[in-house]
All heavy atoms as atom14 arrays in JSON, in Angstrom:
{
  "sequence": "DQTEAVTMGDRIAVLNNGELQQVATPREMYDSPSNV",
  "atom14_mask": [
    [1, 1, 1, 1, 1, 1, 1, 1, 0, 0, 0, 0, 0, 0],
    [1, 1, 1, 1, 1, 1, 1, 1, 1, 0, 0, 0, 0, 0],
    [1, 1, 1, 1, 1, 1, 1, 0, 0, 0, 0, 0, 0, 0],
    [1, 1, 1, 1, 1, 1, 1, 1, 1, 0, 0, 0, 0, 0],
    [1, 1, 1, 1, 1, 0, 0, 0, 0, 0, 0, 0, 0, 0],
    [1, 1, 1, 1, 1, 1, 1, 0, 0, 0, 0, 0, 0, 0],
    [1, 1, 1, 1, 1, 1, 1, 0, 0, 0, 0, 0, 0, 0],
    [1, 1, 1, 1, 1, 1, 1, 1, 0, 0, 0, 0, 0, 0],
    [1, 1, 1, 1, 0, 0, 0, 0, 0, 0, 0, 0, 0, 0],
    [1, 1, 1, 1, 1, 1, 1, 1, 0, 0, 0, 0, 0, 0],
    [1, 1, 1, 1, 1, 1, 1, 1, 1, 1, 1, 0, 0, 0],
    [1, 1, 1, 1, 1, 1, 1, 1, 0, 0, 0, 0, 0, 0],
    [1, 1, 1, 1, 1, 0, 0, 0, 0, 0, 0, 0, 0, 0],
    [1, 1, 1, 1, 1, 1, 1, 0, 0, 0, 0, 0, 0, 0],
    [1, 1, 1, 1, 1, 1, 1, 1, 0, 0, 0, 0, 0, 0],
    [1, 1, 1, 1, 1, 1, 1, 1, 0, 0, 0, 0, 0, 0],
    [1, 1, 1, 1, 1, 1, 1, 1, 0, 0, 0, 0, 0, 0],
    [1, 1, 1, 1, 0, 0, 0, 0, 0, 0, 0, 0, 0, 0],
    [1, 1, 1, 1, 1, 1, 1, 1, 1, 0, 0, 0, 0, 0],
    [1, 1, 1, 1, 1, 1, 1, 1, 0, 0, 0, 0, 0, 0],
    [1, 1, 1, 1, 1, 1, 1, 1, 1, 0, 0, 0, 0, 0],
    [1, 1, 1, 1, 1, 1, 1, 1, 1, 0, 0, 0, 0, 0],
    [1, 1, 1, 1, 1, 1, 1, 0, 0, 0, 0, 0, 0, 0],
    [1, 1, 1, 1, 1, 0, 0, 0, 0, 0, 0, 0, 0, 0],
    [1, 1, 1, 1, 1, 1, 1, 0, 0, 0, 0, 0, 0, 0],
    [1, 1, 1, 1, 1, 1, 1, 0, 0, 0, 0, 0, 0, 0],
    [1, 1, 1, 1, 1, 1, 1, 1, 1, 1, 1, 0, 0, 0],
    [1, 1, 1, 1, 1, 1, 1, 1, 1, 0, 0, 0, 0, 0],
    [1, 1, 1, 1, 1, 1, 1, 1, 0, 0, 0, 0, 0, 0],
    [1, 1, 1, 1, 1, 1, 1, 1, 1, 1, 1, 1, 0, 0],
    [1, 1, 1, 1, 1, 1, 1, 1, 0, 0, 0, 0, 0, 0],
    [1, 1, 1, 1, 1, 1, 0, 0, 0, 0, 0, 0, 0, 0],
    [1, 1, 1, 1, 1, 1, 1, 0, 0, 0, 0, 0, 0, 0],
    [1, 1, 1, 1, 1, 1, 0, 0, 0, 0, 0, 0, 0, 0],
    [1, 1, 1, 1, 1, 1, 1, 1, 0, 0, 0, 0, 0, 0],
    [1, 1, 1, 1, 1, 1, 1, 0, 0, 0, 0, 0, 0, 0]
  ],
  "atom14_positions": [
    [[0.84, -1.19, 0.0], [0.0, 0.0, 0.0], [0.88, 1.25, 0.0], [1.51, 1.58, 1.01], [-0.89, -0.03, 1.25], [-1.9, 1.1, 1.29], [-1.64, 2.15, 0.68], [-2.94, 0.94, 1.95], [0.0, 0.0, 0.0], [0.0, 0.0, 0.0], [0.0, 0.0, 0.0], [0.0, 0.0, 0.0], [0.0, 0.0, 0.0], [0.0, 0.0, 0.0]],
    [[0.91, 1.97, -1.12], [1.8, 3.12, -1.2], [1.36, 4.25, -0.29], [2.16, 5.08, 0.13], [1.94, 3.59, -2.66], [0.65, 3.98, -3.34], [0.37, 5.46, -3.26], [1.24, 6.25, -2.98], [-0.88, 5.84, -3.51], [0.0, 0.0, 0.0], [0.0, 0.0, 0.0], [0.0, 0.0, 0.0], [0.0, 0.0, 0.0], [0.0, 0.0, 0.0]],
    [[0.07, 4.3, 0.09], [-0.36, 5.31, 1.05], [0.27, 5.07, 2.41], [0.72, 6.0, 3.07], [-1.9, 5.32, 1.17], [-2.47, 5.57, -0.12], [-2.36, 6.4, 2.13], [0.0, 0.0, 0.0], [0.0, 0.0, 0.0], [0.0, 0.0, 0.0], [0.0, 0.0, 0.0], [0.0, 0.0, 0.0], [0.0, 0.0, 0.0], [0.0, 0.0, 0.0]],
    [[0.32, 3.81, 2.83], [1.02, 3.46, 4.07], [2.48, 3.87, 3.97], [3.06, 4.41, 4.92], [0.94, 1.94, 4.33], [-0.3, 1.51, 5.06], [-0.29, 0.01, 5.35], [0.79, -0.58, 5.52], [-1.37, -0.58, 5.41], [0.0, 0.0, 0.0], [0.0, 0.0, 0.0], [0.0, 0.0, 0.0], [0.0, 0.0, 0.0], [0.0, 0.0, 0.0]],
    [[3.08, 3.6, 2.84], [4.51, 3.87, 2.68], [4.82, 5.35, 2.85], [5.73, 5.72, 3.6], [4.99, 3.38, 1.31], [0.0, 0.0, 0.0], [0.0, 0.0, 0.0], [0.0, 0.0, 0.0], [0.0, 0.0, 0.0], [0.0, 0.0, 0.0], [0.0, 0.0, 0.0], [0.0, 0.0, 0.0], [0.0, 0.0, 0.0], [0.0, 0.0, 0.0]],
    [[4.07, 6.2, 2.17], [4.41, 7.63, 2.19], [4.03, 8.3, 3.5], [4.58, 9.34, 3.86], [3.76, 8.39, 1.0], [4.25, 7.84, -0.32], [2.24, 8.34, 1.07], [0.0, 0.0, 0.0], [0.0, 0.0, 0.0], [0.0, 0.0, 0.0], [0.0, 0.0, 0.0], [0.0, 0.0, 0.0], [0.0, 0.0, 0.0], [0.0, 0.0, 0.0]],
    [[3.08, 7.72, 4.25], [2.68, 8.34, 5.51], [3.48, 7.85, 6.7], [3.5, 8.51, 7.74], [1.18, 8.08, 5.79], [0.93, 6.67, 5.77], [0.3, 8.77, 4.77], [0.0, 0.0, 0.0], [0.0, 0.0, 0.0], [0.0, 0.0, 0.0], [0.0, 0.0, 0.0], [0.0, 0.0, 0.0], [0.0, 0.0, 0.0], [0.0, 0.0, 0.0]],
    [[4.18, 6.72, 6.56], [4.85, 6.13, 7.72], [6.37, 6.22, 7.67], [7.02, 6.43, 8.69], [4.45, 4.65, 7.87], [2.99, 4.43, 8.16], [2.56, 2.67, 8.26], [3.29, 2.23, 9.83], [0.0, 0.0, 0.0], [0.0, 0.0, 0.0], [0.0, 0.0, 0.0], [0.0, 0.0, 0.0], [0.0, 0.0, 0.0], [0.0, 0.0, 0.0]],
    [[6.97, 6.06, 6.51], [8.41, 5.87, 6.43], [9.24, 7.14, 6.46], [8.82, 8.17, 5.93], [0.0, 0.0, 0.0], [0.0, 0.0, 0.0], [0.0, 0.0, 0.0], [0.0, 0.0, 0.0], [0.0, 0.0, 0.0], [0.0, 0.0, 0.0], [0.0, 0.0, 0.0], [0.0, 0.0, 0.0], [0.0, 0.0, 0.0], [0.0, 0.0, 0.0]],
    [[10.42, 7.05, 7.08], [11.43, 8.11, 6.92], [11.92, 8.11, 5.48], [12.11, 9.16, 4.87], [12.62, 7.87, 7.85], [12.23, 7.95, 9.32], [11.4, 8.81, 9.66], [12.75, 7.15, 10.11], [0.0, 0.0, 0.0], [0.0, 0.0, 0.0], [0.0, 0.0, 0.0], [0.0, 0.0, 0.0], [0.0, 0.0, 0.0], [0.0, 0.0, 0.0]],
    [[12.11, 6.9, 4.95], [12.45, 6.71, 3.53], [11.64, 5.53, 3.0], [11.2, 4.67, 3.75], [13.94, 6.46, 3.34], [14.83, 7.66, 3.53], [16.25, 7.38, 3.04], [16.82, 6.2, 3.69], [17.8, 5.45, 3.18], [18.33, 5.75, 2.0], [18.27, 4.41, 3.86], [0.0, 0.0, 0.0], [0.0, 0.0, 0.0], [0.0, 0.0, 0.0]],
    [[11.51, 5.51, 1.68], [10.8, 4.43, 0.99], [11.77, 3.78, 0.01], [12.52, 4.47, -0.67], [9.59, 4.96, 0.2], [8.67, 5.79, 1.11], [8.82, 3.83, -0.44], [7.61, 6.53, 0.33], [0.0, 0.0, 0.0], [0.0, 0.0, 0.0], [0.0, 0.0, 0.0], [0.0, 0.0, 0.0], [0.0, 0.0, 0.0], [0.0, 0.0, 0.0]],
    [[11.72, 2.45, -0.04], [12.47, 1.71, -1.07], [11.44, 0.99, -1.95], [10.67, 0.16, -1.45], [13.42, 0.7, -0.43], [0.0, 0.0, 0.0], [0.0, 0.0, 0.0], [0.0, 0.0, 0.0], [0.0, 0.0, 0.0], [0.0, 0.0, 0.0], [0.0, 0.0, 0.0], [0.0, 0.0, 0.0], [0.0, 0.0, 0.0], [0.0, 0.0, 0.0]],
    [[11.4, 1.33, -3.22], [10.44, 0.74, -4.16], [11.11, -0.4, -4.92], [12.19, -0.22, -5.5], [9.91, 1.79, -5.16], [8.94, 1.16, -6.15], [9.22, 2.92, -4.41], [0.0, 0.0, 0.0], [0.0, 0.0, 0.0], [0.0, 0.0, 0.0], [0.0, 0.0, 0.0], [0.0, 0.0, 0.0], [0.0, 0.0, 0.0], [0.0, 0.0, 0.0]],
    [[10.48, -1.57, -4.9], [10.99, -2.73, -5.63], [10.01, -3.12, -6.73], [8.8, -2.93, -6.59], [11.22, -3.93, -4.7], [12.41, -3.84, -3.75], [11.98, -3.23, -2.43], [13.01, -5.22, -3.49], [0.0, 0.0, 0.0], [0.0, 0.0, 0.0], [0.0, 0.0, 0.0], [0.0, 0.0, 0.0], [0.0, 0.0, 0.0], [0.0, 0.0, 0.0]],
    [[10.55, -3.71, -7.8], [9.72, -4.26, -8.87], [10.5, -5.39, -9.53], [11.66, -5.22, -9.91], [9.39, -3.18, -9.91], [8.39, -3.67, -10.94], [7.46, -4.41, -10.61], [8.57, -3.27, -12.18], [0.0, 0.0, 0.0], [0.0, 0.0, 0.0], [0.0, 0.0, 0.0], [0.0, 0.0, 0.0], [0.0, 0.0, 0.0], [0.0, 0.0, 0.0]],
    [[9.86, -6.55, -9.63], [10.5, -7.73, -10.23], [11.85, -8.04, -9.6], [12.81, -8.41, -10.29], [10.66, -7.55, -11.75], [9.32, -7.52, -12.46], [8.37, -8.19, -12.06], [9.23, -6.73, -13.52], [0.0, 0.0, 0.0], [0.0, 0.0, 0.0], [0.0, 0.0, 0.0], [0.0, 0.0, 0.0], [0.0, 0.0, 0.0], [0.0, 0.0, 0.0]],
    [[11.95, -7.86, -8.29], [13.18, -8.19, -7.58], [14.27, -7.16, -7.68], [15.35, -7.34, -7.12], [0.0, 0.0, 0.0], [0.0, 0.0, 0.0], [0.0, 0.0, 0.0], [0.0, 0.0, 0.0], [0.0, 0.0, 0.0], [0.0, 0.0, 0.0], [0.0, 0.0, 0.0], [0.0, 0.0, 0.0], [0.0, 0.0, 0.0], [0.0, 0.0, 0.0]],
    [[14.01, -6.05, -8.36], [15.01, -5.01, -8.55], [14.64, -3.76, -7.75], [13.48, -3.33, -7.76], [15.11, -4.62, -10.04], [15.42, -5.78, -10.98], [16.91, -6.06, -11.07], [17.69, -5.29, -10.48], [17.28, -7.05, -11.74], [0.0, 0.0, 0.0], [0.0, 0.0, 0.0], [0.0, 0.0, 0.0], [0.0, 0.0, 0.0], [0.0, 0.0, 0.0]],
    [[15.63, -3.16, -7.11], [15.41, -1.9, -6.4], [15.3, -0.78, -7.42], [16.21, -0.56, -8.22], [16.57, -1.65, -5.43], [16.49, -0.37, -4.59], [15.28, -0.42, -3.66], [17.78, -0.19, -3.78], [0.0, 0.0, 0.0], [0.0, 0.0, 0.0], [0.0, 0.0, 0.0], [0.0, 0.0, 0.0], [0.0, 0.0, 0.0], [0.0, 0.0, 0.0]],
    [[14.19, -0.03, -7.36], [13.94, 1.04, -8.33], [14.42, 2.4, -7.83], [15.01, 3.17, -8.57], [12.44, 1.12, -8.63], [11.83, -0.17, -9.15], [12.37, -0.58, -10.49], [12.36, 0.21, -11.43], [12.85, -1.8, -10.6], [0.0, 0.0, 0.0], [0.0, 0.0, 0.0], [0.0, 0.0, 0.0], [0.0, 0.0, 0.0], [0.0, 0.0, 0.0]],
    [[14.16, 2.69, -6.55], [14.54, 3.98, -5.99], [14.44, 3.93, -4.47], [13.58, 3.24, -3.92], [13.64, 5.1, -6.53], [14.06, 6.51, -6.09], [13.21, 7.61, -6.73], [12.28, 7.33, -7.48], [13.53, 8.86, -6.44], [0.0, 0.0, 0.0], [0.0, 0.0, 0.0], [0.0, 0.0, 0.0], [0.0, 0.0, 0.0], [0.0, 0.0, 0.0]],
    [[15.33, 4.64, -3.8], [15.26, 4.82, -2.35], [15.31, 6.32, -2.1], [16.24, 6.99, -2.55], [16.44, 4.14, -1.62], [16.24, 4.23, -0.1], [16.61, 2.71, -2.05], [0.0, 0.0, 0.0], [0.0, 0.0, 0.0], [0.0, 0.0, 0.0], [0.0, 0.0, 0.0], [0.0, 0.0, 0.0], [0.0, 0.0, 0.0], [0.0, 0.0, 0.0]],
    [[14.31, 6.83, -1.38], [14.26, 8.28, -1.14], [13.23, 8.57, -0.08], [12.47, 7.69, 0.34], [13.91, 9.01, -2.44], [0.0, 0.0, 0.0], [0.0, 0.0, 0.0], [0.0, 0.0, 0.0], [0.0, 0.0, 0.0], [0.0, 0.0, 0.0], [0.0, 0.0, 0.0], [0.0, 0.0, 0.0], [0.0, 0.0, 0.0], [0.0, 0.0, 0.0]],
    [[13.21, 9.82, 0.39], [12.15, 10.25, 1.29], [10.84, 10.29, 0.5], [10.85, 10.38, -0.74], [12.43, 11.64, 1.86], [12.39, 12.6, 0.79], [13.8, 11.7, 2.54], [0.0, 0.0, 0.0], [0.0, 0.0, 0.0], [0.0, 0.0, 0.0], [0.0, 0.0, 0.0], [0.0, 0.0, 0.0], [0.0, 0.0, 0.0], [0.0, 0.0, 0.0]],
    [[9.7, 10.23, 1.2], [8.41, 10.31, 0.47], [8.32, 11.54, -0.42], [7.85, 11.46, -1.55], [7.39, 10.34, 1.61], [8.04, 9.6, 2.74], [9.49, 9.95, 2.64], [0.0, 0.0, 0.0], [0.0, 0.0, 0.0], [0.0, 0.0, 0.0], [0.0, 0.0, 0.0], [0.0, 0.0, 0.0], [0.0, 0.0, 0.0], [0.0, 0.0, 0.0]],
    [[8.75, 12.7, 0.06], [8.66, 13.93, -0.73], [9.55, 13.87, -1.96], [9.16, 14.25, -3.06], [9.01, 15.14, 0.14], [9.1, 16.47, -0.59], [7.89, 16.77, -1.45], [6.64, 16.76, -0.7], [5.44, 16.83, -1.26], [5.32, 16.89, -2.59], [4.34, 16.81, -0.53], [0.0, 0.0, 0.0], [0.0, 0.0, 0.0], [0.0, 0.0, 0.0]],
    [[10.8, 13.39, -1.78], [11.72, 13.29, -2.92], [11.17, 12.34, -3.98], [11.25, 12.62, -5.19], [13.09, 12.8, -2.45], [13.88, 13.81, -1.64], [15.09, 13.2, -0.96], [15.19, 11.95, -0.86], [15.95, 13.98, -0.52], [0.0, 0.0, 0.0], [0.0, 0.0, 0.0], [0.0, 0.0, 0.0], [0.0, 0.0, 0.0], [0.0, 0.0, 0.0]],
    [[10.6, 11.23, -3.53], [10.08, 10.25, -4.48], [8.85, 10.78, -5.21], [8.65, 10.5, -6.39], [9.75, 8.95, -3.75], [9.58, 7.76, -4.66], [9.61, 6.21, -3.76], [11.34, 6.04, -3.36], [0.0, 0.0, 0.0], [0.0, 0.0, 0.0], [0.0, 0.0, 0.0], [0.0, 0.0, 0.0], [0.0, 0.0, 0.0], [0.0, 0.0, 0.0]],
    [[8.04, 11.55, -4.52], [6.85, 12.13, -5.14], [7.23, 13.21, -6.15], [6.67, 13.27, -7.25], [5.95, 12.72, -4.05], [4.63, 13.24, -4.54], [3.54, 12.39, -4.72], [4.46, 14.59, -4.83], [2.33, 12.87, -5.17], [3.25, 15.08, -5.28], [2.18, 14.21, -5.45], [0.98, 14.68, -5.9], [0.0, 0.0, 0.0], [0.0, 0.0, 0.0]],
    [[8.19, 14.05, -5.79], [8.58, 15.16, -6.66], [9.49, 14.75, -7.79], [9.45, 15.34, -8.87], [9.27, 16.25, -5.83], [8.31, 17.01, -4.93], [7.08, 16.95, -5.18], [8.78, 17.65, -3.97], [0.0, 0.0, 0.0], [0.0, 0.0, 0.0], [0.0, 0.0, 0.0], [0.0, 0.0, 0.0], [0.0, 0.0, 0.0], [0.0, 0.0, 0.0]],
    [[10.36, 13.74, -7.56], [11.36, 13.37, -8.56], [11.48, 11.85, -8.68], [12.5, 11.25, -8.32], [12.73, 13.95, -8.18], [12.67, 15.35, -8.05], [0.0, 0.0, 0.0], [0.0, 0.0, 0.0], [0.0, 0.0, 0.0], [0.0, 0.0, 0.0], [0.0, 0.0, 0.0], [0.0, 0.0, 0.0], [0.0, 0.0, 0.0], [0.0, 0.0, 0.0]],
    [[10.43, 11.19, -9.17], [10.52, 9.73, -9.35], [11.63, 9.38, -10.34], [11.81, 10.07, -11.35], [9.14, 9.35, -9.89], [8.58, 10.61, -10.46], [9.14, 11.72, -9.64], [0.0, 0.0, 0.0], [0.0, 0.0, 0.0], [0.0, 0.0, 0.0], [0.0, 0.0, 0.0], [0.0, 0.0, 0.0], [0.0, 0.0, 0.0], [0.0, 0.0, 0.0]],
    [[12.36, 8.31, -10.06], [13.55, 8.0, -10.86], [13.21, 7.34, -12.19], [14.05, 7.33, -13.09], [14.49, 7.08, -10.07], [13.86, 5.83, -9.83], [0.0, 0.0, 0.0], [0.0, 0.0, 0.0], [0.0, 0.0, 0.0], [0.0, 0.0, 0.0], [0.0, 0.0, 0.0], [0.0, 0.0, 0.0], [0.0, 0.0, 0.0], [0.0, 0.0, 0.0]],
    [[12.01, 6.79, -12.32], [11.64, 6.16, -13.59], [10.12, 6.09, -13.71], [9.38, 6.49, -12.8], [12.27, 4.76, -13.73], [11.9, 3.83, -12.57], [10.78, 3.86, -12.08], [12.86, 3.03, -12.13], [0.0, 0.0, 0.0], [0.0, 0.0, 0.0], [0.0, 0.0, 0.0], [0.0, 0.0, 0.0], [0.0, 0.0, 0.0], [0.0, 0.0, 0.0]],
    [[9.65, 5.58, -14.83], [8.22, 5.52, -15.12], [7.49, 4.65, -14.1], [6.38, 4.97, -13.67], [7.98, 5.01, -16.55], [6.52, 4.65, -16.77], [8.42, 6.05, -17.57], [0.0, 0.0, 0.0], [0.0, 0.0, 0.0], [0.0, 0.0, 0.0], [0.0, 0.0, 0.0], [0.0, 0.0, 0.0], [0.0, 0.0, 0.0], [0.0, 0.0, 0.0]]
  ]
}
């Protein structure tokens, strides 16, 4: 649940297909997502 992630974490690590996509604060990830 991405809502849980952005409201709870100091930082978020997003994974997809076993690969780390991005690690950042909720605000950084919202403003500057690293990929589609």
